[in-house]
N, C-alpha and C. Protein backbone atom coordinates (compact mmCIF):
# COMPACT_ATOMS: atom_id res chain seq x y z
N LYS A 1 123.80 141.37 70.67
CA LYS A 1 122.66 141.51 71.22
C LYS A 1 121.49 141.13 70.47
N PHE A 2 120.72 140.42 71.04
CA PHE A 2 119.13 140.28 70.37
C PHE A 2 118.34 141.20 70.34
N ASP A 3 117.94 141.66 69.18
CA ASP A 3 116.78 142.86 69.16
C ASP A 3 115.53 141.93 68.72
N PRO A 4 114.65 141.77 69.45
CA PRO A 4 113.32 141.34 69.18
C PRO A 4 112.65 142.03 67.97
N GLN A 5 112.65 143.22 67.85
CA GLN A 5 111.97 143.76 66.80
C GLN A 5 112.60 143.59 65.44
N VAL A 6 113.95 143.36 65.32
CA VAL A 6 114.66 142.99 64.24
C VAL A 6 114.36 141.57 63.81
N ALA A 7 114.38 140.60 64.87
CA ALA A 7 114.32 139.30 64.49
C ALA A 7 112.79 139.14 64.24
N ARG A 8 111.74 140.10 64.52
CA ARG A 8 110.28 139.68 64.21
C ARG A 8 110.20 140.16 62.60
N GLN A 9 110.89 141.15 62.06
CA GLN A 9 111.00 141.84 60.91
C GLN A 9 111.68 140.69 59.98
N GLU A 10 112.62 140.24 60.41
CA GLU A 10 113.38 139.11 59.46
C GLU A 10 112.56 137.84 59.45
N LEU A 11 111.76 137.46 60.59
CA LEU A 11 110.80 136.21 60.26
C LEU A 11 109.86 136.58 59.32
N GLN A 12 109.14 137.57 59.72
CA GLN A 12 108.01 138.16 58.61
C GLN A 12 108.37 138.22 57.00
N SER A 13 109.79 138.80 57.13
CA SER A 13 110.41 138.71 55.73
C SER A 13 110.51 137.39 54.97
N ALA A 14 111.34 136.66 55.85
CA ALA A 14 111.46 135.18 55.24
C ALA A 14 110.30 134.32 55.38
N PHE A 15 109.36 134.48 56.14
CA PHE A 15 108.11 133.58 56.03
C PHE A 15 106.87 134.29 56.13
N PRO A 16 106.37 134.99 54.80
CA PRO A 16 105.33 135.83 54.87
C PRO A 16 103.96 134.83 55.32
N GLU A 17 104.10 133.59 55.47
CA GLU A 17 102.81 132.93 55.70
C GLU A 17 102.62 133.02 57.30
N LEU A 18 103.51 133.59 57.86
CA LEU A 18 103.20 133.70 59.48
C LEU A 18 102.54 135.26 59.61
N LYS A 19 101.93 135.13 60.80
CA LYS A 19 101.31 136.43 61.06
C LYS A 19 101.27 136.31 62.62
N ASN A 20 101.04 137.49 63.17
CA ASN A 20 100.79 137.75 64.74
C ASN A 20 102.06 137.23 65.40
N ILE A 21 103.22 137.56 64.99
CA ILE A 21 104.48 137.26 65.25
C ILE A 21 104.89 137.98 66.45
N GLU A 22 105.12 137.06 67.65
CA GLU A 22 105.26 137.81 68.91
C GLU A 22 106.85 137.10 69.52
N ILE A 23 107.58 138.21 69.82
CA ILE A 23 108.78 137.59 70.43
C ILE A 23 109.09 138.24 71.84
N GLN A 24 109.32 137.26 72.73
CA GLN A 24 109.56 137.80 74.11
C GLN A 24 110.86 137.32 74.64
N VAL A 25 111.71 138.29 75.12
CA VAL A 25 112.97 137.99 75.75
C VAL A 25 112.85 137.91 77.03
N LYS A 26 113.34 136.89 77.77
CA LYS A 26 113.25 136.45 79.25
C LYS A 26 114.29 136.04 79.92
N LEU A 27 114.35 136.51 81.17
CA LEU A 27 115.80 135.84 81.84
C LEU A 27 115.61 134.51 82.44
N PRO A 28 116.44 133.75 82.41
CA PRO A 28 117.84 133.85 81.85
C PRO A 28 117.70 133.37 80.51
N ARG A 29 118.26 133.79 79.50
CA ARG A 29 118.70 133.47 78.25
C ARG A 29 117.51 132.68 77.71
N THR A 30 116.36 133.35 77.54
CA THR A 30 115.36 132.53 77.18
C THR A 30 114.62 133.67 75.98
N VAL A 31 114.13 133.06 74.92
CA VAL A 31 113.50 133.80 73.82
C VAL A 31 112.13 132.76 73.57
N ALA A 32 111.00 133.54 73.49
CA ALA A 32 109.79 132.83 73.40
C ALA A 32 109.14 133.37 72.06
N ILE A 33 109.03 132.61 70.94
CA ILE A 33 108.65 133.23 69.75
C ILE A 33 106.95 132.43 69.59
N SER A 34 106.10 133.21 69.18
CA SER A 34 104.80 132.82 69.05
C SER A 34 104.23 133.26 67.65
N VAL A 35 103.61 132.66 66.87
CA VAL A 35 103.22 132.82 65.59
C VAL A 35 101.86 132.49 65.23
N VAL A 36 101.18 132.69 64.12
CA VAL A 36 99.86 132.09 63.68
C VAL A 36 100.21 131.89 62.38
N GLU A 37 99.98 130.60 61.69
CA GLU A 37 100.26 130.40 60.41
C GLU A 37 98.94 130.75 59.55
N ARG A 38 99.31 131.47 58.53
CA ARG A 38 98.05 132.06 57.51
C ARG A 38 97.56 130.73 56.91
N GLN A 39 96.20 130.83 56.80
CA GLN A 39 95.44 129.65 56.10
C GLN A 39 95.16 130.12 54.47
N PRO A 40 95.59 129.36 53.50
CA PRO A 40 95.22 129.80 52.26
C PRO A 40 93.85 129.62 51.87
N VAL A 41 93.37 130.56 50.93
CA VAL A 41 91.73 130.45 50.19
C VAL A 41 92.16 130.41 48.86
N VAL A 42 93.11 130.67 48.31
CA VAL A 42 93.25 130.86 46.70
C VAL A 42 94.62 130.29 46.67
N ALA A 43 94.76 129.68 45.41
CA ALA A 43 95.87 129.34 44.56
C ALA A 43 96.24 130.01 43.31
N TRP A 44 97.03 130.89 43.32
CA TRP A 44 97.04 131.62 42.20
C TRP A 44 98.30 131.21 41.32
N ARG A 45 97.78 130.77 40.13
CA ARG A 45 98.99 130.20 39.24
C ARG A 45 99.25 131.23 37.99
N ASN A 46 100.44 131.33 37.81
CA ASN A 46 101.18 131.99 37.07
C ASN A 46 102.24 131.33 36.28
N ASN A 47 101.91 130.79 35.17
CA ASN A 47 102.83 130.07 34.46
C ASN A 47 103.15 128.56 35.28
N GLU A 48 104.30 128.36 35.64
CA GLU A 48 105.13 127.41 36.43
C GLU A 48 104.90 127.69 37.72
N GLN A 49 104.57 128.95 38.16
CA GLN A 49 104.64 129.35 39.61
C GLN A 49 103.38 129.44 40.26
N THR A 50 103.30 128.99 41.46
CA THR A 50 102.05 128.96 42.22
C THR A 50 102.08 129.81 43.54
N ASN A 51 101.22 130.67 43.81
CA ASN A 51 101.12 131.33 45.36
C ASN A 51 100.04 131.06 45.92
N TRP A 52 100.08 131.06 47.22
CA TRP A 52 98.82 131.02 48.03
C TRP A 52 98.50 132.21 48.60
N ILE A 53 97.28 132.46 48.86
CA ILE A 53 96.94 133.72 49.03
C ILE A 53 95.72 133.48 50.13
N ASP A 54 96.00 134.33 51.49
CA ASP A 54 94.98 134.17 52.59
C ASP A 54 93.57 135.07 52.42
N GLU A 55 92.70 134.98 53.32
CA GLU A 55 91.63 135.79 53.33
C GLU A 55 92.02 137.25 53.31
N GLU A 56 93.20 137.57 53.99
CA GLU A 56 93.37 139.26 53.84
C GLU A 56 94.02 139.47 52.70
N GLY A 57 94.19 138.49 52.04
CA GLY A 57 94.91 138.83 50.55
C GLY A 57 96.66 139.01 50.53
N VAL A 58 97.08 138.21 51.70
CA VAL A 58 98.58 138.30 51.81
C VAL A 58 99.10 136.84 51.00
N VAL A 59 100.07 137.21 50.06
CA VAL A 59 100.52 136.26 49.00
C VAL A 59 101.66 135.65 49.98
N PHE A 60 101.78 134.35 49.71
CA PHE A 60 103.01 133.61 50.32
C PHE A 60 103.30 132.42 49.50
N PRO A 61 104.46 131.53 49.57
CA PRO A 61 104.64 130.48 48.64
C PRO A 61 104.07 129.13 49.36
N PRO A 62 103.56 128.36 48.64
CA PRO A 62 103.13 127.10 49.14
C PRO A 62 104.13 126.29 49.70
N ARG A 63 103.63 125.94 50.98
CA ARG A 63 104.38 124.96 51.86
C ARG A 63 103.35 123.76 52.44
N GLY A 64 103.75 122.82 51.99
CA GLY A 64 103.05 121.62 52.52
C GLY A 64 101.73 121.19 51.55
N GLU A 65 100.63 120.81 52.20
CA GLU A 65 99.56 120.45 51.43
C GLU A 65 98.44 121.40 52.06
N ALA A 66 97.51 122.01 51.12
CA ALA A 66 96.29 122.58 51.63
C ALA A 66 95.15 121.95 51.34
N PRO A 67 93.90 122.46 51.89
CA PRO A 67 92.72 121.88 51.46
C PRO A 67 92.50 122.25 49.97
N ALA A 68 91.29 121.87 49.41
CA ALA A 68 91.03 122.25 48.04
C ALA A 68 90.80 123.85 48.22
N LEU A 69 91.51 124.30 47.19
CA LEU A 69 91.45 125.90 47.31
C LEU A 69 90.88 126.24 45.95
N LEU A 70 90.38 127.62 45.91
CA LEU A 70 89.87 128.33 44.69
C LEU A 70 91.30 128.44 43.85
N THR A 71 91.37 127.87 42.67
CA THR A 71 92.49 128.37 41.73
C THR A 71 91.97 129.39 40.74
N ILE A 72 93.11 130.30 40.67
CA ILE A 72 93.18 131.14 39.50
C ILE A 72 94.26 131.25 38.72
N ASP A 73 93.77 131.05 37.64
CA ASP A 73 95.15 130.94 36.47
C ASP A 73 95.29 132.48 36.02
N GLY A 74 96.34 133.03 36.45
CA GLY A 74 96.49 134.66 36.06
C GLY A 74 97.78 134.90 35.57
N GLY A 75 97.93 136.07 35.43
CA GLY A 75 99.34 136.56 34.81
C GLY A 75 99.93 136.99 36.17
N ASP A 76 100.72 138.19 36.20
CA ASP A 76 101.29 138.71 37.20
C ASP A 76 100.05 138.91 38.33
N LEU A 77 100.39 138.94 39.58
CA LEU A 77 99.53 139.27 40.95
C LEU A 77 99.06 140.63 40.78
N PRO A 78 97.84 140.88 40.84
CA PRO A 78 97.54 142.18 41.20
C PRO A 78 97.71 142.83 42.33
N LEU A 79 98.86 143.32 42.67
CA LEU A 79 99.19 143.44 44.01
C LEU A 79 99.05 144.90 44.43
N ILE A 80 98.79 145.25 45.60
CA ILE A 80 98.54 146.45 46.20
C ILE A 80 99.88 147.30 45.96
N SER A 81 99.98 148.46 45.40
CA SER A 81 101.43 149.04 45.24
C SER A 81 101.59 150.10 46.27
N ALA A 82 102.61 150.20 46.61
CA ALA A 82 103.03 151.51 47.39
C ALA A 82 103.18 152.88 46.78
N PRO A 83 103.01 153.94 47.70
CA PRO A 83 103.08 155.28 46.92
C PRO A 83 104.37 155.47 46.14
N GLU A 84 104.07 156.23 45.22
CA GLU A 84 105.08 156.38 44.09
C GLU A 84 106.49 157.01 44.84
N SER A 85 106.25 158.33 45.52
CA SER A 85 107.51 158.92 46.05
C SER A 85 107.35 158.90 47.44
N GLU A 86 108.68 158.89 48.08
CA GLU A 86 108.99 159.03 49.51
C GLU A 86 109.77 160.11 49.58
N THR A 87 109.07 161.37 49.93
CA THR A 87 109.79 162.58 49.99
C THR A 87 110.48 163.01 51.28
N ASP A 88 109.88 162.54 52.34
CA ASP A 88 110.21 162.76 53.70
C ASP A 88 110.63 161.78 54.83
N ALA A 89 111.19 162.25 55.76
CA ALA A 89 111.83 161.12 56.51
C ALA A 89 110.63 160.21 57.28
N ALA A 90 109.49 160.54 57.26
CA ALA A 90 108.43 159.78 57.85
C ALA A 90 107.91 158.98 56.93
N ALA A 91 108.02 159.42 55.76
CA ALA A 91 107.44 158.61 54.54
C ALA A 91 108.29 157.55 54.21
N ALA A 92 109.76 157.85 54.15
CA ALA A 92 110.84 157.06 54.14
C ALA A 92 110.76 155.85 55.13
N GLU A 93 110.66 156.16 56.36
CA GLU A 93 110.43 155.22 57.63
C GLU A 93 109.36 154.39 57.29
N GLU A 94 108.07 155.01 56.70
CA GLU A 94 107.15 153.89 56.50
C GLU A 94 107.24 153.10 55.25
N ALA A 95 108.06 153.49 54.31
CA ALA A 95 108.34 152.57 53.05
C ALA A 95 109.29 151.63 53.76
N LYS A 96 110.42 151.85 54.59
CA LYS A 96 110.97 150.66 55.22
C LYS A 96 110.04 149.67 55.76
N LYS A 97 109.37 150.21 56.64
CA LYS A 97 108.21 149.13 57.27
C LYS A 97 107.50 148.54 56.38
N ARG A 98 106.95 149.05 55.29
CA ARG A 98 106.25 148.13 54.22
C ARG A 98 107.19 147.21 53.66
N SER A 99 108.66 147.40 53.39
CA SER A 99 109.40 146.68 52.77
C SER A 99 109.53 145.25 53.56
N THR A 100 109.19 145.18 54.74
CA THR A 100 109.23 143.85 55.38
C THR A 100 107.83 143.22 55.58
N GLU A 101 106.84 143.98 55.09
CA GLU A 101 105.61 143.49 55.29
C GLU A 101 105.30 142.60 54.02
N PRO A 102 104.47 141.56 54.25
CA PRO A 102 104.17 140.29 53.15
C PRO A 102 103.54 141.27 51.77
N LYS A 103 103.59 140.79 50.51
CA LYS A 103 102.66 141.28 49.51
C LYS A 103 101.59 140.80 49.78
N ARG A 104 100.60 141.87 49.24
CA ARG A 104 99.19 141.53 49.05
C ARG A 104 98.36 141.93 47.78
N ILE A 105 97.54 141.11 47.72
CA ILE A 105 96.95 141.40 46.36
C ILE A 105 95.56 142.26 46.54
N ARG A 106 95.21 142.97 45.33
CA ARG A 106 93.91 144.01 45.67
C ARG A 106 92.88 143.25 46.16
N THR A 107 92.19 143.72 47.26
CA THR A 107 91.09 143.04 48.05
C THR A 107 89.70 142.82 47.01
N GLU A 108 89.54 143.80 46.19
CA GLU A 108 88.20 143.65 45.71
C GLU A 108 88.40 142.59 44.63
N ILE A 109 89.67 142.09 44.15
CA ILE A 109 89.78 140.99 43.16
C ILE A 109 89.76 139.72 44.06
N LEU A 110 90.28 139.84 45.18
CA LEU A 110 90.40 138.66 46.00
C LEU A 110 88.47 138.14 46.54
N LYS A 111 88.10 139.22 46.79
CA LYS A 111 86.64 138.93 47.12
C LYS A 111 85.64 138.86 46.20
N ALA A 112 86.06 139.46 44.86
CA ALA A 112 85.26 138.87 43.64
C ALA A 112 85.41 137.62 43.27
N GLY A 113 86.77 137.33 43.41
CA GLY A 113 86.96 135.78 43.04
C GLY A 113 86.34 134.64 43.71
N LEU A 114 86.41 135.03 45.04
CA LEU A 114 85.68 134.25 46.01
C LEU A 114 84.23 134.02 45.85
N ARG A 115 83.60 135.24 45.68
CA ARG A 115 82.12 135.25 45.43
C ARG A 115 81.97 134.73 43.97
N LEU A 116 82.57 134.95 43.22
CA LEU A 116 82.19 134.17 41.78
C LEU A 116 82.72 132.81 41.93
N SER A 117 83.29 132.30 42.68
CA SER A 117 83.40 130.46 42.95
C SER A 117 82.06 130.12 43.46
N GLU A 118 81.72 130.95 44.29
CA GLU A 118 80.34 130.20 44.85
C GLU A 118 79.24 130.14 43.84
N MET A 119 79.30 130.95 42.63
CA MET A 119 78.24 131.05 41.89
C MET A 119 78.60 130.02 40.55
N LEU A 120 79.61 129.30 40.49
CA LEU A 120 80.16 128.52 39.37
C LEU A 120 80.20 127.15 39.94
N PRO A 121 80.11 125.99 39.39
CA PRO A 121 80.25 124.71 39.37
C PRO A 121 81.67 124.49 40.37
N VAL A 122 81.49 123.44 41.37
CA VAL A 122 82.78 123.16 42.15
C VAL A 122 84.14 122.90 41.29
N ASP A 123 84.89 123.13 41.55
CA ASP A 123 86.08 122.77 41.01
C ASP A 123 86.60 123.71 39.69
N THR A 124 85.57 124.69 39.44
CA THR A 124 85.87 125.46 38.39
C THR A 124 87.33 126.54 38.29
N ILE A 125 88.09 126.39 37.67
CA ILE A 125 89.42 127.32 37.80
C ILE A 125 88.98 128.42 37.03
N LEU A 126 89.18 129.74 37.77
CA LEU A 126 89.12 131.12 37.31
C LEU A 126 90.32 131.43 36.76
N ALA A 127 90.01 132.36 35.80
CA ALA A 127 91.09 133.07 34.96
C ALA A 127 91.16 134.77 35.43
N TYR A 128 92.27 135.32 35.23
CA TYR A 128 92.40 136.75 35.55
C TYR A 128 93.34 137.31 34.61
N THR A 129 92.79 138.59 33.81
CA THR A 129 93.72 139.51 33.18
C THR A 129 93.37 140.82 33.71
N PRO A 130 94.48 141.76 33.63
CA PRO A 130 94.22 143.14 34.25
C PRO A 130 93.06 143.63 33.19
N GLU A 131 93.00 143.30 31.97
CA GLU A 131 92.30 144.06 31.20
C GLU A 131 90.72 143.76 31.01
N ASP A 132 90.56 142.18 31.33
CA ASP A 132 89.11 141.63 31.60
C ASP A 132 88.69 141.28 32.86
N GLY A 133 89.65 141.36 33.75
CA GLY A 133 89.10 140.96 35.15
C GLY A 133 88.95 139.42 35.15
N LEU A 134 88.07 138.95 36.04
CA LEU A 134 87.95 137.56 36.45
C LEU A 134 87.09 136.83 35.41
N GLY A 135 87.29 135.54 35.20
CA GLY A 135 86.44 134.92 34.32
C GLY A 135 86.61 133.38 34.58
N TRP A 136 86.21 132.76 33.60
CA TRP A 136 86.44 131.13 33.45
C TRP A 136 86.25 130.48 32.13
N VAL A 137 86.63 129.47 31.79
CA VAL A 137 86.12 128.70 30.80
C VAL A 137 84.85 128.00 30.75
N ALA A 138 83.89 128.28 29.86
CA ALA A 138 82.51 127.85 29.94
C ALA A 138 82.87 126.06 29.60
N PRO A 139 81.76 125.39 29.95
CA PRO A 139 81.59 124.13 29.54
C PRO A 139 81.80 124.00 27.89
N ASP A 140 81.10 124.92 27.38
CA ASP A 140 81.34 124.82 25.75
C ASP A 140 82.53 125.27 25.22
N GLY A 141 83.41 125.65 25.95
CA GLY A 141 84.85 126.06 25.61
C GLY A 141 85.07 127.27 25.52
N TRP A 142 84.31 128.60 25.34
CA TRP A 142 84.32 129.96 25.23
C TRP A 142 84.95 130.38 26.75
N LYS A 143 85.50 131.62 26.81
CA LYS A 143 85.78 132.06 27.77
C LYS A 143 85.01 133.26 28.27
N VAL A 144 84.73 133.34 29.57
CA VAL A 144 83.74 134.35 30.12
C VAL A 144 84.38 135.27 30.89
N TYR A 145 84.30 136.48 30.79
CA TYR A 145 84.91 137.47 31.69
C TYR A 145 83.83 138.42 32.35
N VAL A 146 83.97 138.69 33.62
CA VAL A 146 83.08 139.61 34.45
C VAL A 146 83.45 140.86 35.07
N GLY A 147 84.59 141.10 34.84
CA GLY A 147 85.47 142.17 35.59
C GLY A 147 86.07 141.81 36.78
N SER A 148 86.33 142.92 37.56
CA SER A 148 87.44 142.69 38.76
C SER A 148 86.64 143.11 40.14
N THR A 149 85.42 143.33 40.19
CA THR A 149 84.63 143.82 41.33
C THR A 149 83.16 143.00 41.57
N LEU A 150 82.69 143.27 42.85
CA LEU A 150 81.40 142.66 43.22
C LEU A 150 80.57 143.48 42.27
N GLU A 151 80.72 144.45 42.11
CA GLU A 151 79.64 145.30 41.48
C GLU A 151 78.83 144.73 40.50
N ASP A 152 77.70 144.71 40.89
CA ASP A 152 76.54 143.85 39.85
C ASP A 152 76.86 142.49 39.60
N LEU A 153 77.53 141.85 40.36
CA LEU A 153 78.04 140.54 39.68
C LEU A 153 76.80 139.54 39.61
N ASN A 154 75.92 139.63 40.47
CA ASN A 154 74.64 138.98 40.15
C ASN A 154 73.99 139.13 38.74
N LEU A 155 73.91 140.34 38.52
CA LEU A 155 73.22 140.81 37.32
C LEU A 155 74.33 140.30 36.19
N LYS A 156 75.72 140.38 36.15
CA LYS A 156 76.31 140.00 35.26
C LYS A 156 76.31 138.67 34.93
N ILE A 157 76.21 137.81 35.74
CA ILE A 157 76.08 136.29 35.85
C ILE A 157 74.62 136.05 35.12
N ALA A 158 73.49 136.61 35.43
CA ALA A 158 72.52 136.49 34.71
C ALA A 158 72.22 136.79 33.38
N ILE A 159 73.06 137.97 32.95
CA ILE A 159 73.30 138.60 31.58
C ILE A 159 74.01 137.33 30.87
N TYR A 160 74.99 137.03 31.40
CA TYR A 160 75.91 135.77 30.87
C TYR A 160 75.23 134.69 30.41
N GLN A 161 74.32 134.21 31.45
CA GLN A 161 73.35 133.03 31.16
C GLN A 161 72.39 133.25 30.15
N ARG A 162 71.80 134.31 29.85
CA ARG A 162 71.04 134.72 28.87
C ARG A 162 71.73 134.77 27.60
N ILE A 163 72.64 135.31 27.57
CA ILE A 163 73.68 135.38 26.20
C ILE A 163 73.66 133.97 25.83
N SER A 164 74.26 133.07 26.83
CA SER A 164 74.97 131.91 26.53
C SER A 164 73.66 130.97 26.13
N GLU A 165 72.56 131.31 26.59
CA GLU A 165 71.33 130.31 26.06
C GLU A 165 71.12 130.89 24.61
N ASN A 166 71.04 132.14 24.28
CA ASN A 166 70.74 132.81 23.07
C ASN A 166 71.57 132.23 21.87
N ILE A 167 73.05 132.51 22.27
CA ILE A 167 73.83 131.82 21.16
C ILE A 167 74.09 130.38 20.85
N THR A 168 73.73 129.59 22.00
CA THR A 168 73.64 128.12 22.00
C THR A 168 72.45 127.81 21.06
N ALA A 169 71.22 128.45 21.31
CA ALA A 169 70.12 128.21 20.47
C ALA A 169 70.69 128.38 19.04
N GLN A 170 71.29 129.51 18.76
CA GLN A 170 71.73 129.91 17.16
C GLN A 170 72.52 129.10 16.81
N GLY A 171 73.28 128.18 17.48
CA GLY A 171 74.30 127.40 17.16
C GLY A 171 75.68 128.09 16.96
N VAL A 172 75.78 129.32 17.55
CA VAL A 172 77.25 130.13 17.45
C VAL A 172 78.05 129.66 18.56
N THR A 173 79.35 129.56 18.20
CA THR A 173 80.32 129.44 19.24
C THR A 173 81.13 130.65 19.46
N PRO A 174 81.05 131.48 20.43
CA PRO A 174 82.02 132.58 20.59
C PRO A 174 83.43 132.19 21.12
N SER A 175 84.56 132.86 20.89
CA SER A 175 85.58 132.71 21.60
C SER A 175 86.00 133.23 23.01
N MET A 176 84.71 134.40 23.35
CA MET A 176 84.91 134.93 24.43
C MET A 176 83.69 135.87 24.67
N ILE A 177 83.27 135.99 25.85
CA ILE A 177 81.94 136.74 26.24
C ILE A 177 82.75 137.56 27.38
N SER A 178 82.59 138.88 27.28
CA SER A 178 82.89 139.68 28.42
C SER A 178 81.53 140.57 28.70
N VAL A 179 81.11 140.42 30.09
CA VAL A 179 79.80 141.01 30.49
C VAL A 179 80.40 142.24 31.27
């Protein structure tokens, strides 16, 4: 017997790049499947592996070609984590449901990365570390980090620019600036 709910969960699990999966069973012997393909906005590179991330923070494997994406070189993905303990039946059922849902990165990091990319030259590759947050390599070769949130991002960029001007005028070349 064909179970549309099970088929939906299996499709979602096997193809996280699909959303709004709808399955209808009609007589006689007809199954109609409707899906929407997620559009990537970020390519997250971790060593040799690349994942795409859509505007909702959903992580999925690259398939085919994508338009120019914001690229972030980072370590492990900053995923939204599930609650630590599942003590009752309702919580266990919720955990089972989450296990078929696609992985998502923390939205504040996604939003900050997209906003930061608007403030930097086109094709700037961002970097991410859990300790320093988001950053990039400046044209002069040093690393710049501004944290993981949009909080005071304009101020942080202005402070960085002033620091950069001062140290360049002094002939100093730092290895990293963290604002």
